[in-house]
Amino acid sequence: APREQIQLTCLAAHPRMPRLVVGIGDGQVAVYHIYRAHGHRRPQLHQTQGFDASRVCGDVATVAYVPENRLAQDGALNNEVMVVGFASGRVAVFKILMPDSLGRTNVSSEKATDGGVLLASQPVLTDHEPLLLEHYNCKSPVQTLLWHNVLGI
């Protein structure tokens, strides 16, 4: 059944790109882009990715950060990412997965398909977290995130 209401727990925007990261009260994290879809006259907000980040234990995103640039020049952090802090004190870096309609170049098993046919206009919905890095040193809910290029989180 469709949701009658939704509670947003955090929201972050990319500083230059029309990209938003949203934390939802049930533990989901979603990525939205603003673009003009085929056949539409104006740009609109479209969900492009979504996943359950609650670890099936009710953990809720409390703060999100979308870095302007990639966090590293090589390795796992050499991707488009979002950094999310949680009520449990966990901080996680997740990979942003792009649908083909937005020029996604990473071809993997995380494609949205319907009977083997790629749905280019559909969001990339995964049943697992696209986790790249996590940190559990906080004992209370995360309230703010700052990224230092030399030191990291």
C-alpha atoms as a PDB file:
ATOM      1  CA  ALA A   1       0.000   0.000   0.000  1.00  0.00           C
ATOM      2  CA  PRO A   2       1.264   3.512  -0.774  1.00  0.00           C
ATOM      3  CA  ARG A   3       2.420   5.658   2.107  1.00  0.00           C
ATOM      4  CA  GLU A   4      -0.085   8.255   3.272  1.00  0.00           C
ATOM      5  CA  GLN A   5       2.599  10.414   4.828  1.00  0.00           C
ATOM      6  CA  ILE A   6       6.342  10.460   4.889  1.00  0.00           C
ATOM      7  CA  GLN A   7       8.753  11.809   7.489  1.00  0.00           C
ATOM      8  CA  LEU A   8      12.019  13.266   6.219  1.00  0.00           C
ATOM      9  CA  THR A   9      14.805  12.934   8.781  1.00  0.00           C
ATOM     10  CA  CYS A  10      17.568  14.671   6.828  1.00  0.00           C
ATOM     11  CA  LEU A  11      18.183  16.353   3.506  1.00  0.00           C
ATOM     12  CA  ALA A  12      21.392  17.362   1.728  1.00  0.00           C
ATOM     13  CA  ALA A  13      22.027  18.917  -1.669  1.00  0.00           C
ATOM     14  CA  HIS A  14      25.071  18.693  -3.904  1.00  0.00           C
ATOM     15  CA  PRO A  15      26.737  22.126  -4.060  1.00  0.00           C
ATOM     16  CA  ARG A  16      26.872  22.243  -7.885  1.00  0.00           C
ATOM     17  CA  MET A  17      24.736  19.440  -9.329  1.00  0.00           C
ATOM     18  CA  PRO A  18      20.939  19.143  -9.138  1.00  0.00           C
ATOM     19  CA  ARG A  19      21.208  16.174  -6.730  1.00  0.00           C
ATOM     20  CA  LEU A  20      19.506  15.627  -3.348  1.00  0.00           C
ATOM     21  CA  VAL A  21      19.993  12.940  -0.702  1.00  0.00           C
ATOM     22  CA  VAL A  22      17.048  12.309   1.613  1.00  0.00           C
ATOM     23  CA  GLY A  23      16.770  10.266   4.799  1.00  0.00           C
ATOM     24  CA  ILE A  24      13.296   8.893   5.451  1.00  0.00           C
ATOM     25  CA  GLY A  25      11.823   8.020   8.856  1.00  0.00           C
ATOM     26  CA  ASP A  26      11.590   4.288   8.152  1.00  0.00           C
ATOM     27  CA  GLY A  27      15.349   3.959   7.589  1.00  0.00           C
ATOM     28  CA  GLN A  28      15.368   4.367   3.821  1.00  0.00           C
ATOM     29  CA  VAL A  29      17.841   6.624   2.021  1.00  0.00           C
ATOM     30  CA  ALA A  30      16.912   8.008  -1.391  1.00  0.00           C
ATOM     31  CA  VAL A  31      18.741  10.027  -4.038  1.00  0.00           C
ATOM     32  CA  TYR A  32      16.896  12.461  -6.286  1.00  0.00           C
ATOM     33  CA  HIS A  33      18.021  14.358  -9.379  1.00  0.00           C
ATOM     34  CA  ILE A  34      16.356  17.241 -11.144  1.00  0.00           C
ATOM     35  CA  TYR A  35      16.256  16.776 -14.892  1.00  0.00           C
ATOM     36  CA  ARG A  36      13.956  17.122 -17.887  1.00  0.00           C
ATOM     37  CA  ALA A  37      12.604  13.693 -18.716  1.00  0.00           C
ATOM     38  CA  HIS A  38      11.827  12.727 -22.303  1.00  0.00           C
ATOM     39  CA  GLY A  39       8.509  14.246 -23.343  1.00  0.00           C
ATOM     40  CA  HIS A  40       8.350  16.808 -20.526  1.00  0.00           C
ATOM     41  CA  ARG A  41       8.718  20.548 -20.982  1.00  0.00           C
ATOM     42  CA  ARG A  42      10.234  21.349 -17.593  1.00  0.00           C
ATOM     43  CA  PRO A  43      12.808  19.749 -15.338  1.00  0.00           C
ATOM     44  CA  GLN A  44      11.283  17.779 -12.485  1.00  0.00           C
ATOM     45  CA  LEU A  45      12.473  15.970  -9.368  1.00  0.00           C
ATOM     46  CA  HIS A  46      13.036  12.230 -10.023  1.00  0.00           C
ATOM     47  CA  GLN A  47      14.092   9.512  -7.598  1.00  0.00           C
ATOM     48  CA  THR A  48      17.185   7.831  -9.019  1.00  0.00           C
ATOM     49  CA  GLN A  49      18.258   5.532  -6.162  1.00  0.00           C
ATOM     50  CA  GLY A  50      16.862   4.045  -2.975  1.00  0.00           C
ATOM     51  CA  PHE A  51      17.821   1.462  -0.364  1.00  0.00           C
ATOM     52  CA  ASP A  52      17.177   0.450   3.239  1.00  0.00           C
ATOM     53  CA  ALA A  53      19.986   1.846   5.377  1.00  0.00           C
ATOM     54  CA  SER A  54      18.400   0.930   8.732  1.00  0.00           C
ATOM     55  CA  ARG A  55      20.144  -2.451   8.974  1.00  0.00           C
ATOM     56  CA  VAL A  56      16.662  -3.886   9.685  1.00  0.00           C
ATOM     57  CA  CYS A  57      16.891  -2.559  13.242  1.00  0.00           C
ATOM     58  CA  GLY A  58      15.216   0.822  12.884  1.00  0.00           C
ATOM     59  CA  ASP A  59      18.368   2.917  12.566  1.00  0.00           C
ATOM     60  CA  VAL A  60      17.398   6.275  11.063  1.00  0.00           C
ATOM     61  CA  ALA A  61      19.528   8.719   9.086  1.00  0.00           C
ATOM     62  CA  THR A  62      19.965  11.948  11.076  1.00  0.00           C
ATOM     63  CA  VAL A  63      22.285  13.916   8.786  1.00  0.00           C
ATOM     64  CA  ALA A  64      23.518  13.638   5.196  1.00  0.00           C
ATOM     65  CA  TYR A  65      26.352  15.232   3.252  1.00  0.00           C
ATOM     66  CA  VAL A  66      26.947  15.221  -0.499  1.00  0.00           C
ATOM     67  CA  PRO A  67      30.584  16.098  -1.271  1.00  0.00           C
ATOM     68  CA  GLU A  68      31.323  18.373  -4.188  1.00  0.00           C
ATOM     69  CA  ASN A  69      34.111  16.110  -5.470  1.00  0.00           C
ATOM     70  CA  ARG A  70      35.143  12.491  -5.152  1.00  0.00           C
ATOM     71  CA  LEU A  71      36.641  11.747  -1.742  1.00  0.00           C
ATOM     72  CA  ALA A  72      39.751  10.011  -3.132  1.00  0.00           C
ATOM     73  CA  GLN A  73      41.641   9.714  -6.394  1.00  0.00           C
ATOM     74  CA  ASP A  74      41.757   5.918  -6.254  1.00  0.00           C
ATOM     75  CA  GLY A  75      40.145   3.038  -4.427  1.00  0.00           C
ATOM     76  CA  ALA A  76      36.546   2.653  -3.326  1.00  0.00           C
ATOM     77  CA  LEU A  77      36.104   6.357  -2.549  1.00  0.00           C
ATOM     78  CA  ASN A  78      36.880   7.299  -6.164  1.00  0.00           C
ATOM     79  CA  ASN A  79      33.131   7.314  -6.869  1.00  0.00           C
ATOM     80  CA  GLU A  80      30.183   9.658  -6.597  1.00  0.00           C
ATOM     81  CA  VAL A  81      29.213   9.223  -2.938  1.00  0.00           C
ATOM     82  CA  MET A  82      27.003  10.416  -0.100  1.00  0.00           C
ATOM     83  CA  VAL A  83      27.959  10.421   3.575  1.00  0.00           C
ATOM     84  CA  VAL A  84      25.167   9.655   6.061  1.00  0.00           C
ATOM     85  CA  GLY A  85      25.108   9.816   9.856  1.00  0.00           C
ATOM     86  CA  PHE A  86      22.621   7.766  11.890  1.00  0.00           C
ATOM     87  CA  ALA A  87      20.806   7.846  15.233  1.00  0.00           C
ATOM     88  CA  SER A  88      22.911   4.859  16.368  1.00  0.00           C
ATOM     89  CA  GLY A  89      26.137   6.852  15.941  1.00  0.00           C
ATOM     90  CA  ARG A  90      27.138   5.074  12.737  1.00  0.00           C
ATOM     91  CA  VAL A  91      28.592   7.132   9.885  1.00  0.00           C
ATOM     92  CA  ALA A  92      28.583   5.499   6.458  1.00  0.00           C
ATOM     93  CA  VAL A  93      29.761   6.405   2.958  1.00  0.00           C
ATOM     94  CA  PHE A  94      27.495   5.026   0.232  1.00  0.00           C
ATOM     95  CA  LYS A  95      28.083   4.854  -3.504  1.00  0.00           C
ATOM     96  CA  ILE A  96      25.624   6.798  -5.639  1.00  0.00           C
ATOM     97  CA  LEU A  97      24.305   4.490  -8.351  1.00  0.00           C
ATOM     98  CA  MET A  98      23.120   6.265 -11.484  1.00  0.00           C
ATOM     99  CA  PRO A  99      20.442   5.026 -13.895  1.00  0.00           C
ATOM    100  CA  ASP A 100      21.551   4.730 -17.515  1.00  0.00           C
ATOM    101  CA  SER A 101      19.270   7.639 -18.438  1.00  0.00           C
ATOM    102  CA  LEU A 102      21.625   9.930 -16.469  1.00  0.00           C
ATOM    103  CA  GLY A 103      24.786   8.574 -18.048  1.00  0.00           C
ATOM    104  CA  ARG A 104      25.662   5.861 -15.558  1.00  0.00           C
ATOM    105  CA  THR A 105      28.949   4.311 -16.531  1.00  0.00           C
ATOM    106  CA  ASN A 106      29.210   1.636 -13.820  1.00  0.00           C
ATOM    107  CA  VAL A 107      27.776  -1.534 -15.311  1.00  0.00           C
ATOM    108  CA  SER A 108      27.064  -4.060 -12.590  1.00  0.00           C
ATOM    109  CA  SER A 109      24.471  -6.375 -11.097  1.00  0.00           C
ATOM    110  CA  GLU A 110      22.807  -3.321  -9.515  1.00  0.00           C
ATOM    111  CA  LYS A 111      20.953  -2.383 -12.710  1.00  0.00           C
ATOM    112  CA  ALA A 112      17.195  -1.971 -12.539  1.00  0.00           C
ATOM    113  CA  THR A 113      15.714  -4.622 -14.803  1.00  0.00           C
ATOM    114  CA  ASP A 114      12.279  -5.993 -15.644  1.00  0.00           C
ATOM    115  CA  GLY A 115      12.585  -9.502 -17.025  1.00  0.00           C
ATOM    116  CA  GLY A 116      16.132  -8.782 -18.159  1.00  0.00           C
ATOM    117  CA  VAL A 117      15.174  -5.526 -19.924  1.00  0.00           C
ATOM    118  CA  LEU A 118      16.902  -2.448 -18.513  1.00  0.00           C
ATOM    119  CA  LEU A 119      14.514   0.227 -17.270  1.00  0.00           C
ATOM    120  CA  ALA A 120      16.559   3.346 -17.992  1.00  0.00           C
ATOM    121  CA  SER A 121      14.033   5.756 -16.485  1.00  0.00           C
ATOM    122  CA  GLN A 122      13.511   3.769 -13.280  1.00  0.00           C
ATOM    123  CA  PRO A 123      15.432   4.431 -10.075  1.00  0.00           C
ATOM    124  CA  VAL A 124      18.171   2.032  -9.023  1.00  0.00           C
ATOM    125  CA  LEU A 125      16.590   0.259  -6.041  1.00  0.00           C
ATOM    126  CA  THR A 126      18.818  -2.198  -4.206  1.00  0.00           C
ATOM    127  CA  ASP A 127      18.041  -4.650  -1.428  1.00  0.00           C
ATOM    128  CA  HIS A 128      21.452  -4.005   0.137  1.00  0.00           C
ATOM    129  CA  GLU A 129      23.431  -0.921   1.050  1.00  0.00           C
ATOM    130  CA  PRO A 130      25.950   0.264  -1.572  1.00  0.00           C
ATOM    131  CA  LEU A 131      28.357   0.642   1.356  1.00  0.00           C
ATOM    132  CA  LEU A 132      31.932   1.819   0.759  1.00  0.00           C
ATOM    133  CA  LEU A 133      33.050   2.776   4.275  1.00  0.00           C
ATOM    134  CA  GLU A 134      31.565   2.926   7.772  1.00  0.00           C
ATOM    135  CA  HIS A 135      32.606   4.205  11.166  1.00  0.00           C
ATOM    136  CA  TYR A 136      31.104   3.321  14.587  1.00  0.00           C
ATOM    137  CA  ASN A 137      33.023   5.507  17.067  1.00  0.00           C
ATOM    138  CA  CYS A 138      30.085   7.722  18.081  1.00  0.00           C
ATOM    139  CA  LYS A 139      27.963   6.759  21.094  1.00  0.00           C
ATOM    140  CA  SER A 140      25.141   9.226  20.369  1.00  0.00           C
ATOM    141  CA  PRO A 141      23.165  10.297  17.278  1.00  0.00           C
ATOM    142  CA  VAL A 142      25.260  11.995  14.624  1.00  0.00           C
ATOM    143  CA  GLN A 143      24.253  15.655  14.312  1.00  0.00           C
ATOM    144  CA  THR A 144      26.676  17.040  11.758  1.00  0.00           C
ATOM    145  CA  LEU A 145      29.170  15.758   9.200  1.00  0.00           C
ATOM    146  CA  LEU A 146      32.339  17.470   8.081  1.00  0.00           C
ATOM    147  CA  TRP A 147      34.782  16.021   5.577  1.00  0.00           C
ATOM    148  CA  HIS A 148      38.434  16.976   5.842  1.00  0.00           C
ATOM    149  CA  ASN A 149      40.355  16.059   2.684  1.00  0.00           C
ATOM    150  CA  VAL A 150      43.479  14.987   4.564  1.00  0.00           C
ATOM    151  CA  LEU A 151      41.979  13.428   7.694  1.00  0.00           C
ATOM    152  CA  GLY A 152      38.733  11.996   6.272  1.00  0.00           C
ATOM    153  CA  ILE A 153      35.545  11.785   8.315  1.00  0.00           C
END
